[in-house]
Amino acid sequence: MGYVLPVLFALFAALSNALATVLQRRAALTVPQSNGFRFGLVLDLLRRPLWLAGILAVIAAGVGQAAALATGALALVQPLFVLELPLALLIAALVARDRLPRASWLAVAGVVAGLGIVLVAASPEGNRTRVPLDRWGLALAACAAAVAVLAVVGLRRPPGRMRAGCLGAATAVCYALTAALMKSAMHVLDEGGVGAFLTTWETYAFAASGVCALLLLEHAMQGGPLVASQPALTLGDAGVSVALGVLLYEEHLRAHWWLLPQVLGLALICAGVLVLARAGSEAG
């Protein structure tokens, strides 16, 4: 199957997620700001048609992501979601009928070029289908601890960059864990059918992790400027996903002198994401 199918599915999912981000951010800014973690926030958002449309886009993204993870490596698929930010800004500009400044276009080019360089240089490989329970136990414990610490630190801060950054990072860990669990569940579906998919623990674990990610995302959007939450979310998701791919699924990345173009590509991505997040914060 190679790289074509997982890349196409991942790009579709990234586009759907970008659309969802624009819709959900617009909806989140119409409800009263919360000082702490509030489950009622989602109930308020359910009354907003824009947020419901965003949820439909999230579902479409989930389908695309599941197909991508079923056909490709976690370390290949998840980094492609870095494209969500430039896509979201492009969609937001179209919706608002605004023009992106030249700096934003250069940043978009930097993100795309950097991502291409990283993926070509790293050449992620491996598609292990089964992960031992002891590995899952360590990964789940580490991710849960990271999310708890980041969420507590963020929620104890007043609205601002620190709060948004911590909640964005917590959301990123949840997204990466959801993807890792989804990949395992999709292999169960492929091998055992719907019955096995509905009875394996990974299915319900990725659903629970996805719900946590959704709740944290809404609070991150409300918690402070996009320039703080989006880089933590975008780069954190990609970084944690690659780590989980290597540690859980034994995926391989090229090393030695290939690390040099990977570092160059990563620098381009980080610079582009920071510029685009700042542009999005000013626009929002």
C-alpha atoms as a PDB file:
ATOM      1  CA  MET A   1       0.000   0.000   0.000  1.00  0.00           C
ATOM      2  CA  GLY A   2       3.029   2.256   0.523  1.00  0.00           C
ATOM      3  CA  TYR A   3       2.663   5.839   1.589  1.00  0.00           C
ATOM      4  CA  VAL A   4      -0.019   7.063  -0.829  1.00  0.00           C
ATOM      5  CA  LEU A   5      -3.191   5.886   0.915  1.00  0.00           C
ATOM      6  CA  PRO A   6      -2.243   6.834   4.488  1.00  0.00           C
ATOM      7  CA  VAL A   7      -1.026  10.255   3.310  1.00  0.00           C
ATOM      8  CA  LEU A   8      -4.240  10.943   1.364  1.00  0.00           C
ATOM      9  CA  PHE A   9      -6.438   9.824   4.268  1.00  0.00           C
ATOM     10  CA  ALA A  10      -4.377  11.901   6.703  1.00  0.00           C
ATOM     11  CA  LEU A  11      -4.606  15.011   4.506  1.00  0.00           C
ATOM     12  CA  PHE A  12      -8.399  14.621   4.332  1.00  0.00           C
ATOM     13  CA  ALA A  13      -8.515  14.284   8.123  1.00  0.00           C
ATOM     14  CA  ALA A  14      -6.283  17.343   8.585  1.00  0.00           C
ATOM     15  CA  LEU A  15      -8.538  19.412   6.318  1.00  0.00           C
ATOM     16  CA  SER A  16     -11.651  18.264   8.203  1.00  0.00           C
ATOM     17  CA  ASN A  17     -10.012  19.037  11.542  1.00  0.00           C
ATOM     18  CA  ALA A  18      -9.001  22.483  10.296  1.00  0.00           C
ATOM     19  CA  LEU A  19     -12.604  23.212   9.359  1.00  0.00           C
ATOM     20  CA  ALA A  20     -13.726  21.919  12.754  1.00  0.00           C
ATOM     21  CA  THR A  21     -11.211  24.187  14.517  1.00  0.00           C
ATOM     22  CA  VAL A  22     -12.543  27.288  12.765  1.00  0.00           C
ATOM     23  CA  LEU A  23     -16.159  26.414  13.531  1.00  0.00           C
ATOM     24  CA  GLN A  24     -15.549  25.331  17.127  1.00  0.00           C
ATOM     25  CA  ARG A  25     -13.388  28.353  17.961  1.00  0.00           C
ATOM     26  CA  ARG A  26     -16.067  30.701  16.686  1.00  0.00           C
ATOM     27  CA  ALA A  27     -18.659  28.846  18.779  1.00  0.00           C
ATOM     28  CA  ALA A  28     -16.458  28.661  21.902  1.00  0.00           C
ATOM     29  CA  LEU A  29     -16.003  32.434  21.917  1.00  0.00           C
ATOM     30  CA  THR A  30     -19.787  32.943  22.108  1.00  0.00           C
ATOM     31  CA  VAL A  31     -20.216  31.270  25.509  1.00  0.00           C
ATOM     32  CA  PRO A  32     -19.252  32.705  28.937  1.00  0.00           C
ATOM     33  CA  GLN A  33     -15.581  32.115  29.826  1.00  0.00           C
ATOM     34  CA  SER A  34     -15.073  29.539  32.593  1.00  0.00           C
ATOM     35  CA  ASN A  35     -12.520  29.895  35.373  1.00  0.00           C
ATOM     36  CA  GLY A  36     -12.140  26.140  35.884  1.00  0.00           C
ATOM     37  CA  PHE A  37     -12.805  22.829  34.198  1.00  0.00           C
ATOM     38  CA  ARG A  38     -16.523  22.808  33.430  1.00  0.00           C
ATOM     39  CA  PHE A  39     -18.389  19.894  31.829  1.00  0.00           C
ATOM     40  CA  GLY A  40     -21.339  22.261  31.320  1.00  0.00           C
ATOM     41  CA  LEU A  41     -19.292  24.077  28.687  1.00  0.00           C
ATOM     42  CA  VAL A  42     -20.169  21.366  26.167  1.00  0.00           C
ATOM     43  CA  LEU A  43     -23.873  21.669  27.067  1.00  0.00           C
ATOM     44  CA  ASP A  44     -23.673  25.384  26.315  1.00  0.00           C
ATOM     45  CA  LEU A  45     -21.936  24.679  23.017  1.00  0.00           C
ATOM     46  CA  LEU A  46     -24.539  22.096  21.996  1.00  0.00           C
ATOM     47  CA  ARG A  47     -26.947  25.014  21.516  1.00  0.00           C
ATOM     48  CA  ARG A  48     -24.635  26.556  18.914  1.00  0.00           C
ATOM     49  CA  PRO A  49     -25.203  25.313  15.330  1.00  0.00           C
ATOM     50  CA  LEU A  50     -21.625  26.277  14.449  1.00  0.00           C
ATOM     51  CA  TRP A  51     -20.277  23.955  17.135  1.00  0.00           C
ATOM     52  CA  LEU A  52     -22.499  21.098  15.948  1.00  0.00           C
ATOM     53  CA  ALA A  53     -21.218  21.617  12.411  1.00  0.00           C
ATOM     54  CA  GLY A  54     -17.711  21.483  13.847  1.00  0.00           C
ATOM     55  CA  ILE A  55     -18.516  18.162  15.508  1.00  0.00           C
ATOM     56  CA  LEU A  56     -19.622  16.742  12.150  1.00  0.00           C
ATOM     57  CA  ALA A  57     -16.271  17.833  10.721  1.00  0.00           C
ATOM     58  CA  VAL A  58     -14.529  16.154  13.673  1.00  0.00           C
ATOM     59  CA  ILE A  59     -16.384  12.912  12.910  1.00  0.00           C
ATOM     60  CA  ALA A  60     -15.318  13.096   9.257  1.00  0.00           C
ATOM     61  CA  ALA A  61     -11.738  13.721  10.404  1.00  0.00           C
ATOM     62  CA  GLY A  62     -11.946  10.724  12.726  1.00  0.00           C
ATOM     63  CA  VAL A  63     -12.988   8.463   9.857  1.00  0.00           C
ATOM     64  CA  GLY A  64     -10.114   9.737   7.719  1.00  0.00           C
ATOM     65  CA  GLN A  65      -7.654   9.374  10.578  1.00  0.00           C
ATOM     66  CA  ALA A  66      -8.798   5.810  11.317  1.00  0.00           C
ATOM     67  CA  ALA A  67      -8.308   4.861   7.654  1.00  0.00           C
ATOM     68  CA  ALA A  68      -4.863   6.490   7.630  1.00  0.00           C
ATOM     69  CA  LEU A  69      -3.761   4.714  10.807  1.00  0.00           C
ATOM     70  CA  ALA A  70      -5.044   1.397   9.497  1.00  0.00           C
ATOM     71  CA  THR A  71      -2.842   1.706   6.414  1.00  0.00           C
ATOM     72  CA  GLY A  72       0.225   3.580   7.635  1.00  0.00           C
ATOM     73  CA  ALA A  73       2.638   4.135  10.507  1.00  0.00           C
ATOM     74  CA  LEU A  74       1.667   6.352  13.436  1.00  0.00           C
ATOM     75  CA  ALA A  75       4.917   8.293  12.970  1.00  0.00           C
ATOM     76  CA  LEU A  76       3.912   9.024   9.361  1.00  0.00           C
ATOM     77  CA  VAL A  77       0.234   9.838   9.825  1.00  0.00           C
ATOM     78  CA  GLN A  78       0.172  12.060  12.913  1.00  0.00           C
ATOM     79  CA  PRO A  79       2.888  14.563  11.865  1.00  0.00           C
ATOM     80  CA  LEU A  80       0.762  15.356   8.810  1.00  0.00           C
ATOM     81  CA  PHE A  81      -1.766  16.915  11.179  1.00  0.00           C
ATOM     82  CA  VAL A  82       0.684  19.801  11.574  1.00  0.00           C
ATOM     83  CA  LEU A  83      -0.999  21.032   8.381  1.00  0.00           C
ATOM     84  CA  GLU A  84      -4.180  21.700  10.369  1.00  0.00           C
ATOM     85  CA  LEU A  85      -2.940  25.130  11.457  1.00  0.00           C
ATOM     86  CA  PRO A  86      -2.168  26.575   8.000  1.00  0.00           C
ATOM     87  CA  LEU A  87      -5.346  25.002   6.647  1.00  0.00           C
ATOM     88  CA  ALA A  88      -7.391  26.458   9.516  1.00  0.00           C
ATOM     89  CA  LEU A  89      -5.999  29.939   8.890  1.00  0.00           C
ATOM     90  CA  LEU A  90      -6.714  29.667   5.176  1.00  0.00           C
ATOM     91  CA  ILE A  91     -10.302  28.561   5.886  1.00  0.00           C
ATOM     92  CA  ALA A  92     -10.749  31.316   8.481  1.00  0.00           C
ATOM     93  CA  ALA A  93      -9.485  33.907   5.983  1.00  0.00           C
ATOM     94  CA  LEU A  94     -11.927  32.633   3.358  1.00  0.00           C
ATOM     95  CA  VAL A  95     -14.827  32.723   5.833  1.00  0.00           C
ATOM     96  CA  ALA A  96     -13.945  36.261   6.952  1.00  0.00           C
ATOM     97  CA  ARG A  97     -13.094  37.303   3.369  1.00  0.00           C
ATOM     98  CA  ASP A  98      -9.710  38.515   4.513  1.00  0.00           C
ATOM     99  CA  ARG A  99      -6.344  38.295   2.813  1.00  0.00           C
ATOM    100  CA  LEU A 100      -3.446  36.540   4.449  1.00  0.00           C
ATOM    101  CA  PRO A 101      -0.349  38.767   4.646  1.00  0.00           C
ATOM    102  CA  ARG A 102       2.841  37.772   2.884  1.00  0.00           C
ATOM    103  CA  ALA A 103       4.437  36.673   6.184  1.00  0.00           C
ATOM    104  CA  SER A 104       1.636  34.160   6.695  1.00  0.00           C
ATOM    105  CA  TRP A 105       2.050  32.757   3.193  1.00  0.00           C
ATOM    106  CA  LEU A 106       5.787  32.380   3.790  1.00  0.00           C
ATOM    107  CA  ALA A 107       5.031  30.626   7.073  1.00  0.00           C
ATOM    108  CA  VAL A 108       2.623  28.251   5.321  1.00  0.00           C
ATOM    109  CA  ALA A 109       5.343  27.457   2.782  1.00  0.00           C
ATOM    110  CA  GLY A 110       7.806  26.904   5.625  1.00  0.00           C
ATOM    111  CA  VAL A 111       5.505  24.463   7.426  1.00  0.00           C
ATOM    112  CA  VAL A 112       4.775  22.490   4.252  1.00  0.00           C
ATOM    113  CA  ALA A 113       8.443  22.403   3.186  1.00  0.00           C
ATOM    114  CA  GLY A 114       9.622  21.530   6.691  1.00  0.00           C
ATOM    115  CA  LEU A 115       7.106  18.721   7.029  1.00  0.00           C
ATOM    116  CA  GLY A 116       8.124  17.311   3.670  1.00  0.00           C
ATOM    117  CA  ILE A 117      11.805  17.421   4.600  1.00  0.00           C
ATOM    118  CA  VAL A 118      11.203  15.730   7.967  1.00  0.00           C
ATOM    119  CA  LEU A 119       9.074  12.919   6.566  1.00  0.00           C
ATOM    120  CA  VAL A 120      11.385  12.214   3.616  1.00  0.00           C
ATOM    121  CA  ALA A 121      14.474  12.273   5.845  1.00  0.00           C
ATOM    122  CA  ALA A 122      12.912  10.208   8.656  1.00  0.00           C
ATOM    123  CA  SER A 123      11.105   7.802   6.293  1.00  0.00           C
ATOM    124  CA  PRO A 124       8.901   6.274   9.049  1.00  0.00           C
ATOM    125  CA  GLU A 125       8.457   2.522   8.641  1.00  0.00           C
ATOM    126  CA  GLY A 126       6.711  -0.258  10.514  1.00  0.00           C
ATOM    127  CA  ASN A 127       3.132  -1.349  10.908  1.00  0.00           C
ATOM    128  CA  ARG A 128       3.095  -3.593  13.963  1.00  0.00           C
ATOM    129  CA  THR A 129      -0.431  -4.739  14.711  1.00  0.00           C
ATOM    130  CA  ARG A 130      -0.225  -5.920  18.311  1.00  0.00           C
ATOM    131  CA  VAL A 131       1.206  -4.116  21.341  1.00  0.00           C
ATOM    132  CA  PRO A 132       1.907  -6.035  24.586  1.00  0.00           C
ATOM    133  CA  LEU A 133      -0.248  -5.037  27.557  1.00  0.00           C
ATOM    134  CA  ASP A 134       2.761  -4.103  29.674  1.00  0.00           C
ATOM    135  CA  ARG A 135       3.770  -1.494  27.076  1.00  0.00           C
ATOM    136  CA  TRP A 136       0.243  -0.134  26.998  1.00  0.00           C
ATOM    137  CA  GLY A 137       0.230   0.081  30.790  1.00  0.00           C
ATOM    138  CA  LEU A 138       3.355   2.227  30.868  1.00  0.00           C
ATOM    139  CA  ALA A 139       2.186   4.433  27.991  1.00  0.00           C
ATOM    140  CA  LEU A 140      -1.276   4.968  29.491  1.00  0.00           C
ATOM    141  CA  ALA A 141       0.160   5.800  32.912  1.00  0.00           C
ATOM    142  CA  ALA A 142       2.709   8.242  31.495  1.00  0.00           C
ATOM    143  CA  CYS A 143       0.170  10.002  29.289  1.00  0.00           C
ATOM    144  CA  ALA A 144      -2.453  10.199  32.061  1.00  0.00           C
ATOM    145  CA  ALA A 145       0.100  11.703  34.449  1.00  0.00           C
ATOM    146  CA  ALA A 146       1.239  14.254  31.865  1.00  0.00           C
ATOM    147  CA  VAL A 147      -2.330  15.281  31.052  1.00  0.00           C
ATOM    148  CA  ALA A 148      -3.252  15.597  34.736  1.00  0.00           C
ATOM    149  CA  VAL A 149      -0.224  17.754  35.586  1.00  0.00           C
ATOM    150  CA  LEU A 150      -0.646  20.017  32.541  1.00  0.00           C
ATOM    151  CA  ALA A 151      -4.393  20.423  33.100  1.00  0.00           C
ATOM    152  CA  VAL A 152      -4.023  21.227  36.813  1.00  0.00           C
ATOM    153  CA  VAL A 153      -1.219  23.730  36.197  1.00  0.00           C
ATOM    154  CA  GLY A 154      -3.167  25.355  33.365  1.00  0.00           C
ATOM    155  CA  LEU A 155      -6.462  25.611  35.225  1.00  0.00           C
ATOM    156  CA  ARG A 156      -4.778  27.184  38.240  1.00  0.00           C
ATOM    157  CA  ARG A 157      -3.528  30.025  36.058  1.00  0.00           C
ATOM    158  CA  PRO A 158      -5.679  33.004  35.077  1.00  0.00           C
ATOM    159  CA  PRO A 159      -6.726  33.261  31.417  1.00  0.00           C
ATOM    160  CA  GLY A 160      -3.662  33.971  29.329  1.00  0.00           C
ATOM    161  CA  ARG A 161      -0.745  32.379  27.504  1.00  0.00           C
ATOM    162  CA  MET A 162       0.358  30.044  30.296  1.00  0.00           C
ATOM    163  CA  ARG A 163      -3.136  28.656  30.781  1.00  0.00           C
ATOM    164  CA  ALA A 164      -3.753  28.214  27.057  1.00  0.00           C
ATOM    165  CA  GLY A 165      -0.323  26.665  26.483  1.00  0.00           C
ATOM    166  CA  CYS A 166      -0.690  24.097  29.265  1.00  0.00           C
ATOM    167  CA  LEU A 167      -4.202  23.110  28.195  1.00  0.00           C
ATOM    168  CA  GLY A 168      -3.091  22.951  24.565  1.00  0.00           C
ATOM    169  CA  ALA A 169      -0.231  20.625  25.531  1.00  0.00           C
ATOM    170  CA  ALA A 170      -2.595  18.435  27.579  1.00  0.00           C
ATOM    171  CA  THR A 171      -4.920  18.240  24.585  1.00  0.00           C
ATOM    172  CA  ALA A 172      -1.969  17.235  22.394  1.00  0.00           C
ATOM    173  CA  VAL A 173      -1.101  14.290  24.649  1.00  0.00           C
ATOM    174  CA  CYS A 174      -4.741  13.143  24.572  1.00  0.00           C
ATOM    175  CA  TYR A 175      -4.843  13.425  20.774  1.00  0.00           C
ATOM    176  CA  ALA A 176      -1.639  11.407  20.387  1.00  0.00           C
ATOM    177  CA  LEU A 177      -2.839   8.709  22.793  1.00  0.00           C
ATOM    178  CA  THR A 178      -6.203   8.570  21.017  1.00  0.00           C
ATOM    179  CA  ALA A 179      -4.423   8.002  17.701  1.00  0.00           C
ATOM    180  CA  ALA A 180      -2.220   5.243  19.157  1.00  0.00           C
ATOM    181  CA  LEU A 181      -5.244   3.444  20.629  1.00  0.00           C
ATOM    182  CA  MET A 182      -7.274   3.966  17.463  1.00  0.00           C
ATOM    183  CA  LYS A 183      -4.533   2.348  15.403  1.00  0.00           C
ATOM    184  CA  SER A 184      -4.672  -0.778  17.564  1.00  0.00           C
ATOM    185  CA  ALA A 185      -8.482  -0.874  17.454  1.00  0.00           C
ATOM    186  CA  MET A 186      -8.487  -0.550  13.664  1.00  0.00           C
ATOM    187  CA  HIS A 187      -6.212  -3.581  13.343  1.00  0.00           C
ATOM    188  CA  VAL A 188      -8.608  -5.511  15.581  1.00  0.00           C
ATOM    189  CA  LEU A 189     -11.454  -4.462  13.271  1.00  0.00           C
ATOM    190  CA  ASP A 190      -9.479  -5.567  10.226  1.00  0.00           C
ATOM    191  CA  GLU A 191      -8.576  -8.947  11.683  1.00  0.00           C
ATOM    192  CA  GLY A 192     -11.652  -9.830  13.733  1.00  0.00           C
ATOM    193  CA  GLY A 193     -14.516  -7.788  12.313  1.00  0.00           C
ATOM    194  CA  VAL A 194     -17.077  -5.573  14.016  1.00  0.00           C
ATOM    195  CA  GLY A 195     -17.695  -7.995  16.867  1.00  0.00           C
ATOM    196  CA  ALA A 196     -14.047  -8.010  17.901  1.00  0.00           C
ATOM    197  CA  PHE A 197     -13.841  -4.219  17.460  1.00  0.00           C
ATOM    198  CA  LEU A 198     -16.779  -3.700  19.842  1.00  0.00           C
ATOM    199  CA  THR A 199     -15.361  -6.014  22.490  1.00  0.00           C
ATOM    200  CA  THR A 200     -11.719  -4.921  22.576  1.00  0.00           C
ATOM    201  CA  TRP A 201     -10.659  -2.504  25.313  1.00  0.00           C
ATOM    202  CA  GLU A 202      -8.773  -0.259  22.886  1.00  0.00           C
ATOM    203  CA  THR A 203     -12.031   0.850  21.244  1.00  0.00           C
ATOM    204  CA  TYR A 204     -13.448   2.235  24.467  1.00  0.00           C
ATOM    205  CA  ALA A 205     -10.081   3.587  25.587  1.00  0.00           C
ATOM    206  CA  PHE A 206      -9.625   5.684  22.419  1.00  0.00           C
ATOM    207  CA  ALA A 207     -13.223   6.900  22.710  1.00  0.00           C
ATOM    208  CA  ALA A 208     -12.611   8.002  26.316  1.00  0.00           C
ATOM    209  CA  SER A 209      -9.316   9.646  25.394  1.00  0.00           C
ATOM    210  CA  GLY A 210     -11.011  11.423  22.494  1.00  0.00           C
ATOM    211  CA  VAL A 211     -13.714  12.824  24.792  1.00  0.00           C
ATOM    212  CA  CYS A 212     -11.038  14.096  27.188  1.00  0.00           C
ATOM    213  CA  ALA A 213      -9.242  15.719  24.269  1.00  0.00           C
ATOM    214  CA  LEU A 214     -12.453  17.431  23.170  1.00  0.00           C
ATOM    215  CA  LEU A 215     -13.134  18.830  26.651  1.00  0.00           C
ATOM    216  CA  LEU A 216      -9.550  20.052  27.041  1.00  0.00           C
ATOM    217  CA  LEU A 217      -9.565  21.592  23.565  1.00  0.00           C
ATOM    218  CA  GLU A 218     -12.617  23.735  24.293  1.00  0.00           C
ATOM    219  CA  HIS A 219     -11.037  24.996  27.518  1.00  0.00           C
ATOM    220  CA  ALA A 220      -7.743  25.640  25.735  1.00  0.00           C
ATOM    221  CA  MET A 221      -9.553  27.733  23.125  1.00  0.00           C
ATOM    222  CA  GLN A 222     -11.191  29.771  25.872  1.00  0.00           C
ATOM    223  CA  GLY A 223      -8.112  29.877  28.078  1.00  0.00           C
ATOM    224  CA  GLY A 224      -5.989  32.303  26.114  1.00  0.00           C
ATOM    225  CA  PRO A 225      -4.610  33.387  22.745  1.00  0.00           C
ATOM    226  CA  LEU A 226      -4.134  30.999  19.849  1.00  0.00           C
ATOM    227  CA  VAL A 227      -0.431  31.902  19.744  1.00  0.00           C
ATOM    228  CA  ALA A 228      -0.030  29.999  23.030  1.00  0.00           C
ATOM    229  CA  SER A 229      -2.386  27.032  22.645  1.00  0.00           C
ATOM    230  CA  GLN A 230      -1.929  26.153  18.962  1.00  0.00           C
ATOM    231  CA  PRO A 231       1.858  25.577  18.869  1.00  0.00           C
ATOM    232  CA  ALA A 232       1.616  23.403  21.990  1.00  0.00           C
ATOM    233  CA  LEU A 233      -1.250  21.457  20.441  1.00  0.00           C
ATOM    234  CA  THR A 234       0.177  21.143  16.931  1.00  0.00           C
ATOM    235  CA  LEU A 235       3.792  20.346  17.782  1.00  0.00           C
ATOM    236  CA  GLY A 236       2.923  18.360  20.899  1.00  0.00           C
ATOM    237  CA  ASP A 237       0.557  16.035  19.046  1.00  0.00           C
ATOM    238  CA  ALA A 238       3.172  15.282  16.375  1.00  0.00           C
ATOM    239  CA  GLY A 239       6.008  14.817  18.870  1.00  0.00           C
ATOM    240  CA  VAL A 240       4.139  12.569  21.306  1.00  0.00           C
ATOM    241  CA  SER A 241       2.676  10.545  18.421  1.00  0.00           C
ATOM    242  CA  VAL A 242       6.123   9.843  16.977  1.00  0.00           C
ATOM    243  CA  ALA A 243       7.332   8.784  20.431  1.00  0.00           C
ATOM    244  CA  LEU A 244       4.359   6.440  20.873  1.00  0.00           C
ATOM    245  CA  GLY A 245       4.872   5.035  17.389  1.00  0.00           C
ATOM    246  CA  VAL A 246       8.480   4.176  18.179  1.00  0.00           C
ATOM    247  CA  LEU A 247       7.898   2.901  21.725  1.00  0.00           C
ATOM    248  CA  LEU A 248       4.626   1.020  21.199  1.00  0.00           C
ATOM    249  CA  TYR A 249       4.624  -0.032  17.569  1.00  0.00           C
ATOM    250  CA  GLU A 250       8.386  -0.300  17.106  1.00  0.00           C
ATOM    251  CA  GLU A 251       8.298   2.041  14.119  1.00  0.00           C
ATOM    252  CA  HIS A 252      11.681   2.991  12.698  1.00  0.00           C
ATOM    253  CA  LEU A 253      13.049   6.413  11.764  1.00  0.00           C
ATOM    254  CA  ARG A 254      16.244   6.960   9.824  1.00  0.00           C
ATOM    255  CA  ALA A 255      19.151   8.192  11.938  1.00  0.00           C
ATOM    256  CA  HIS A 256      22.838   9.103  11.471  1.00  0.00           C
ATOM    257  CA  TRP A 257      23.330  11.936   8.954  1.00  0.00           C
ATOM    258  CA  TRP A 258      19.594  11.879   8.184  1.00  0.00           C
ATOM    259  CA  LEU A 259      19.124  13.653  11.510  1.00  0.00           C
ATOM    260  CA  LEU A 260      20.509  16.874  10.013  1.00  0.00           C
ATOM    261  CA  PRO A 261      17.698  17.431   7.466  1.00  0.00           C
ATOM    262  CA  GLN A 262      15.210  16.304  10.117  1.00  0.00           C
ATOM    263  CA  VAL A 263      16.409  19.040  12.473  1.00  0.00           C
ATOM    264  CA  LEU A 264      16.293  21.578   9.619  1.00  0.00           C
ATOM    265  CA  GLY A 265      12.761  20.553   8.717  1.00  0.00           C
ATOM    266  CA  LEU A 266      11.669  20.682  12.353  1.00  0.00           C
ATOM    267  CA  ALA A 267      13.090  24.196  12.687  1.00  0.00           C
ATOM    268  CA  LEU A 268      11.104  25.322   9.626  1.00  0.00           C
ATOM    269  CA  ILE A 269       7.935  23.765  11.052  1.00  0.00           C
ATOM    270  CA  CYS A 270       8.375  25.387  14.474  1.00  0.00           C
ATOM    271  CA  ALA A 271       9.104  28.821  12.985  1.00  0.00           C
ATOM    272  CA  GLY A 272       6.138  28.560  10.621  1.00  0.00           C
ATOM    273  CA  VAL A 273       3.751  27.368  13.319  1.00  0.00           C
ATOM    274  CA  LEU A 274       4.730  30.221  15.653  1.00  0.00           C
ATOM    275  CA  VAL A 275       4.202  32.827  12.916  1.00  0.00           C
ATOM    276  CA  LEU A 276       0.859  31.313  11.889  1.00  0.00           C
ATOM    277  CA  ALA A 277      -0.343  30.992  15.483  1.00  0.00           C
ATOM    278  CA  ARG A 278       0.498  34.658  16.083  1.00  0.00           C
ATOM    279  CA  ALA A 279      -1.373  35.599  12.908  1.00  0.00           C
ATOM    280  CA  GLY A 280      -4.348  33.513  13.959  1.00  0.00           C
ATOM    281  CA  SER A 281      -4.362  35.060  17.425  1.00  0.00           C
ATOM    282  CA  GLU A 282      -4.364  38.567  15.976  1.00  0.00           C
ATOM    283  CA  ALA A 283      -7.138  37.648  13.548  1.00  0.00           C
ATOM    284  CA  GLY A 284      -9.211  35.977  16.246  1.00  0.00           C
END
